[in-house]
Amino acid sequence: MTDPTCRSNAPVVVFDLDGTLTTKDSFLAYLLTYGRHHGKYRAFAKMPFRLASYFAKLVPDYRLKQTLIRDFLSSCSLEAVTRHTEWFCLNWLPQNMHPIGRRLLEAHRQQGHRLILLSASPNIFVPSIAKSLGIDEVVCTEIQIAEDRWTGDIVGMNCKGAHKLTAIQKHLGLASRPDNSFGYGDSSSDRHILQWVRHGAWIRRTRMEPLPGSSLSNFPSITG
């Protein structure tokens, strides 16, 4: 990955992952496909109760994330998880790319812009997705490794909501937004970032929707 301390005059472009560059949630998809490939029946049995507790607001999102990672991955070697990550990037990712997000990514790349992938999903697989998409810089939730295993413990912050903004500011070494900057997201978790950059836009199912203060003319053309 590119050293985040390097500075460039190129416009900064921040992409969310799930719902923005992909049409589906990558975190759950990653765990479910891993579970199917490796017979994680006990983890599957626990999953409905884990999700029910979360939706009932008995468990915060960061704890759900930690628990699911422990259920599915904590007993597995890094080598096994790495092999699945390679499979995931080669098979799941191409089939679930968002057509709007993909075209925006390519448009910004062709203009030589600085691309950053910002995701609440974990570093277990997000850096590999970024590499597959040709994105050099990644900011995501960091999970601890101990004794050749992903423990499930989050190191630092769960990179979601307001924490996304804190994380990208730390990565860029900036408190104020870059003058020439773009951001794309699909959910309320991305609002802080989209309001911080100069030009923010929601990625909907079939269209891009700029935030107030920006217009479609501010963004790269993705028609044709």
Protein backbone atom coordinates (compact mmCIF):
# COMPACT_ATOMS: atom_id res chain seq x y z
CA MET A 1 0.00 0.00 0.00
CA THR A 2 1.08 3.56 -0.66
CA ASP A 3 2.61 5.31 2.34
CA PRO A 4 -0.21 7.52 3.68
CA THR A 5 2.30 10.15 4.73
CA CYS A 6 3.15 10.91 1.11
CA ARG A 7 1.53 14.04 -0.22
CA SER A 8 0.11 14.64 -3.64
CA ASN A 9 -1.71 17.47 -5.36
CA ALA A 10 -4.08 14.95 -6.89
CA PRO A 11 -7.73 15.16 -5.80
CA VAL A 12 -8.58 12.84 -2.91
CA VAL A 13 -11.40 10.37 -3.55
CA VAL A 14 -12.85 8.33 -0.66
CA PHE A 15 -14.98 5.29 -1.46
CA ASP A 16 -17.08 3.34 1.00
CA LEU A 17 -17.16 -0.39 0.21
CA ASP A 18 -20.48 -2.08 1.00
CA GLY A 19 -23.38 -0.67 -1.01
CA THR A 20 -21.03 1.71 -2.82
CA LEU A 21 -18.45 -0.38 -4.63
CA THR A 22 -20.34 -3.61 -3.98
CA THR A 23 -24.07 -4.28 -4.03
CA LYS A 24 -23.99 -6.54 -0.96
CA ASP A 25 -22.50 -6.58 2.52
CA SER A 26 -18.97 -7.95 2.14
CA PHE A 27 -18.44 -8.78 5.82
CA LEU A 28 -21.35 -11.18 6.19
CA ALA A 29 -20.74 -12.58 2.72
CA TYR A 30 -17.11 -13.28 3.62
CA LEU A 31 -18.00 -15.10 6.83
CA LEU A 32 -20.85 -17.06 5.29
CA THR A 33 -18.82 -18.25 2.33
CA TYR A 34 -15.94 -19.16 4.63
CA GLY A 35 -18.34 -21.06 6.86
CA ARG A 36 -19.80 -23.01 3.94
CA HIS A 37 -16.36 -23.88 2.58
CA HIS A 38 -15.01 -24.99 5.96
CA GLY A 39 -18.03 -26.57 7.64
CA LYS A 40 -18.51 -24.00 10.40
CA TYR A 41 -21.84 -25.48 11.49
CA ARG A 42 -21.58 -24.33 15.09
CA ALA A 43 -20.96 -20.75 13.97
CA PHE A 44 -24.00 -20.94 11.67
CA ALA A 45 -26.13 -22.24 14.55
CA LYS A 46 -25.13 -19.30 16.75
CA MET A 47 -25.58 -16.65 14.08
CA PRO A 48 -29.38 -16.09 14.32
CA PHE A 49 -29.08 -15.43 18.04
CA ARG A 50 -26.15 -13.06 17.52
CA LEU A 51 -28.07 -11.08 14.91
CA ALA A 52 -31.29 -11.06 16.95
CA SER A 53 -29.43 -9.55 19.91
CA TYR A 54 -27.94 -6.89 17.67
CA PHE A 55 -31.25 -5.92 16.02
CA ALA A 56 -32.88 -5.81 19.48
CA LYS A 57 -30.14 -3.29 20.39
CA LEU A 58 -28.83 -5.53 23.17
CA VAL A 59 -25.40 -5.73 21.58
CA PRO A 60 -23.48 -2.84 19.92
CA ASP A 61 -22.26 -3.23 16.35
CA TYR A 62 -18.57 -3.50 17.27
CA ARG A 63 -19.27 -6.38 19.67
CA LEU A 64 -21.32 -8.23 17.07
CA LYS A 65 -18.43 -7.87 14.63
CA GLN A 66 -15.93 -9.22 17.14
CA THR A 67 -18.16 -12.13 18.11
CA LEU A 68 -18.87 -13.23 14.54
CA ILE A 69 -15.18 -13.15 13.65
CA ARG A 70 -14.40 -15.30 16.68
CA ASP A 71 -17.18 -17.75 15.81
CA PHE A 72 -16.05 -18.23 12.22
CA LEU A 73 -12.32 -17.54 12.14
CA SER A 74 -10.57 -17.63 15.53
CA SER A 75 -9.85 -21.37 15.33
CA CYS A 76 -8.51 -21.14 11.75
CA SER A 77 -4.96 -20.49 10.64
CA LEU A 78 -3.97 -17.32 8.83
CA GLU A 79 -3.06 -19.48 5.84
CA ALA A 80 -6.58 -20.91 5.57
CA VAL A 81 -8.15 -17.47 5.88
CA THR A 82 -5.74 -16.03 3.30
CA ARG A 83 -6.69 -18.75 0.81
CA HIS A 84 -10.35 -17.90 1.29
CA THR A 85 -9.62 -14.20 0.84
CA GLU A 86 -8.02 -14.98 -2.51
CA TRP A 87 -11.09 -17.01 -3.52
CA PHE A 88 -13.40 -14.22 -2.32
CA CYS A 89 -11.65 -11.56 -4.39
CA LEU A 90 -11.59 -13.75 -7.49
CA ASN A 91 -15.14 -15.08 -7.29
CA TRP A 92 -17.47 -13.12 -5.02
CA LEU A 93 -16.18 -9.61 -5.71
CA PRO A 94 -16.56 -9.51 -9.52
CA GLN A 95 -20.12 -10.81 -9.29
CA ASN A 96 -21.18 -8.20 -6.76
CA MET A 97 -19.64 -4.96 -8.02
CA HIS A 98 -21.97 -1.96 -7.98
CA PRO A 99 -22.29 -0.66 -11.56
CA ILE A 100 -22.37 2.99 -10.46
CA GLY A 101 -19.52 2.66 -7.99
CA ARG A 102 -17.39 0.68 -10.42
CA ARG A 103 -17.78 3.30 -13.15
CA LEU A 104 -16.99 6.14 -10.75
CA LEU A 105 -13.89 4.31 -9.54
CA GLU A 106 -12.66 3.87 -13.09
CA ALA A 107 -13.44 7.49 -14.01
CA HIS A 108 -11.44 8.84 -11.06
CA ARG A 109 -8.60 6.41 -11.78
CA GLN A 110 -8.37 7.57 -15.39
CA GLN A 111 -8.02 11.15 -14.14
CA GLY A 112 -5.10 10.18 -11.90
CA HIS A 113 -6.90 10.90 -8.63
CA ARG A 114 -5.80 9.63 -5.22
CA LEU A 115 -8.10 6.71 -4.35
CA ILE A 116 -8.82 5.60 -0.78
CA LEU A 117 -11.04 2.72 0.31
CA LEU A 118 -12.72 3.48 3.65
CA SER A 119 -14.68 0.61 5.18
CA ALA A 120 -16.14 -0.61 8.45
CA SER A 121 -15.32 -4.13 7.31
CA PRO A 122 -12.12 -5.65 8.73
CA ASN A 123 -8.52 -5.79 7.55
CA ILE A 124 -8.96 -9.55 7.27
CA PHE A 125 -10.00 -9.04 3.65
CA VAL A 126 -10.54 -5.33 2.84
CA PRO A 127 -6.90 -4.64 1.82
CA SER A 128 -7.09 -7.57 -0.60
CA ILE A 129 -10.30 -6.21 -2.10
CA ALA A 130 -8.61 -2.83 -2.49
CA LYS A 131 -5.67 -4.45 -4.28
CA SER A 132 -8.06 -6.29 -6.60
CA LEU A 133 -9.71 -2.98 -7.45
CA GLY A 134 -6.42 -1.14 -7.97
CA ILE A 135 -6.81 1.04 -4.87
CA ASP A 136 -3.52 1.72 -3.08
CA GLU A 137 -4.76 3.21 0.19
CA VAL A 138 -7.03 1.51 2.73
CA VAL A 139 -8.60 2.61 6.00
CA CYS A 140 -10.71 -0.03 7.72
CA THR A 141 -11.44 -1.75 11.02
CA GLU A 142 -8.27 -3.39 12.36
CA ILE A 143 -8.50 -6.87 13.87
CA GLN A 144 -5.83 -8.32 16.14
CA ILE A 145 -3.70 -11.31 15.18
CA ALA A 146 -2.31 -13.58 17.92
CA GLU A 147 -0.67 -17.01 17.62
CA ASP A 148 -1.34 -17.25 13.87
CA ARG A 149 -5.06 -16.56 14.33
CA TRP A 150 -7.49 -13.67 13.87
CA THR A 151 -8.68 -13.16 17.45
CA GLY A 152 -11.72 -11.02 16.60
CA ASP A 153 -10.55 -8.25 18.94
CA ILE A 154 -10.75 -4.79 17.38
CA VAL A 155 -7.58 -2.72 17.62
CA GLY A 156 -8.52 0.92 18.07
CA MET A 157 -11.92 1.99 16.74
CA ASN A 158 -14.64 0.22 14.83
CA CYS A 159 -14.35 2.21 11.59
CA LYS A 160 -18.00 3.18 11.34
CA GLY A 161 -20.05 6.38 11.52
CA ALA A 162 -18.19 9.31 13.06
CA HIS A 163 -15.16 7.06 13.56
CA LYS A 164 -14.82 6.88 9.77
CA LEU A 165 -14.20 10.61 9.66
CA THR A 166 -11.68 10.45 12.51
CA ALA A 167 -9.87 7.60 10.77
CA ILE A 168 -9.61 9.29 7.38
CA GLN A 169 -8.44 12.54 8.96
CA LYS A 170 -5.70 10.62 10.77
CA HIS A 171 -4.77 8.79 7.58
CA LEU A 172 -4.49 12.03 5.60
CA GLY A 173 -2.95 14.00 8.44
CA LEU A 174 -5.61 16.66 7.98
CA ALA A 175 -8.33 18.11 10.18
CA SER A 176 -9.86 20.26 7.45
CA ARG A 177 -11.02 18.76 4.19
CA PRO A 178 -8.80 18.80 1.11
CA ASP A 179 -9.92 21.55 -1.27
CA ASN A 180 -10.33 19.10 -4.12
CA SER A 181 -11.95 16.01 -2.62
CA PHE A 182 -14.76 13.57 -3.32
CA GLY A 183 -16.59 11.02 -1.23
CA TYR A 184 -19.07 8.27 -2.03
CA GLY A 185 -21.26 6.26 0.32
CA ASP A 186 -24.66 4.66 0.65
CA SER A 187 -25.72 4.74 4.31
CA SER A 188 -26.02 7.00 7.35
CA SER A 189 -22.66 5.64 8.50
CA ASP A 190 -21.09 7.55 5.60
CA ARG A 191 -22.79 10.90 6.20
CA HIS A 192 -19.92 12.38 8.21
CA ILE A 193 -17.47 11.70 5.38
CA LEU A 194 -19.78 12.89 2.62
CA GLN A 195 -20.41 16.17 4.43
CA TRP A 196 -16.69 16.64 5.13
CA VAL A 197 -15.35 16.30 1.59
CA ARG A 198 -15.83 19.05 -1.00
CA HIS A 199 -18.11 16.93 -3.18
CA GLY A 200 -20.07 14.11 -1.58
CA ALA A 201 -22.62 11.84 -3.20
CA TRP A 202 -24.91 8.99 -2.24
CA ILE A 203 -24.70 5.85 -4.33
CA ARG A 204 -28.19 4.50 -4.89
CA ARG A 205 -29.20 1.35 -6.68
CA THR A 206 -29.36 2.90 -10.13
CA ARG A 207 -28.00 6.43 -9.74
CA MET A 208 -25.63 8.80 -8.00
CA GLU A 209 -27.24 11.52 -5.84
CA PRO A 210 -25.02 14.50 -4.92
CA LEU A 211 -25.42 16.09 -1.50
CA PRO A 212 -26.78 19.64 -1.31
CA GLY A 213 -24.08 22.07 -2.40
CA SER A 214 -22.82 19.83 -5.19
CA SER A 215 -24.23 19.00 -8.59
CA LEU A 216 -23.67 16.23 -11.08
CA SER A 217 -21.41 18.57 -13.06
CA ASN A 218 -18.88 18.48 -10.20
CA PHE A 219 -18.36 14.74 -10.65
CA PRO A 220 -16.74 12.68 -13.40
CA SER A 221 -19.10 11.67 -16.16
CA ILE A 222 -20.03 7.99 -16.03
CA THR A 223 -22.47 7.97 -18.92
CA GLY A 224 -21.84 6.35 -22.25
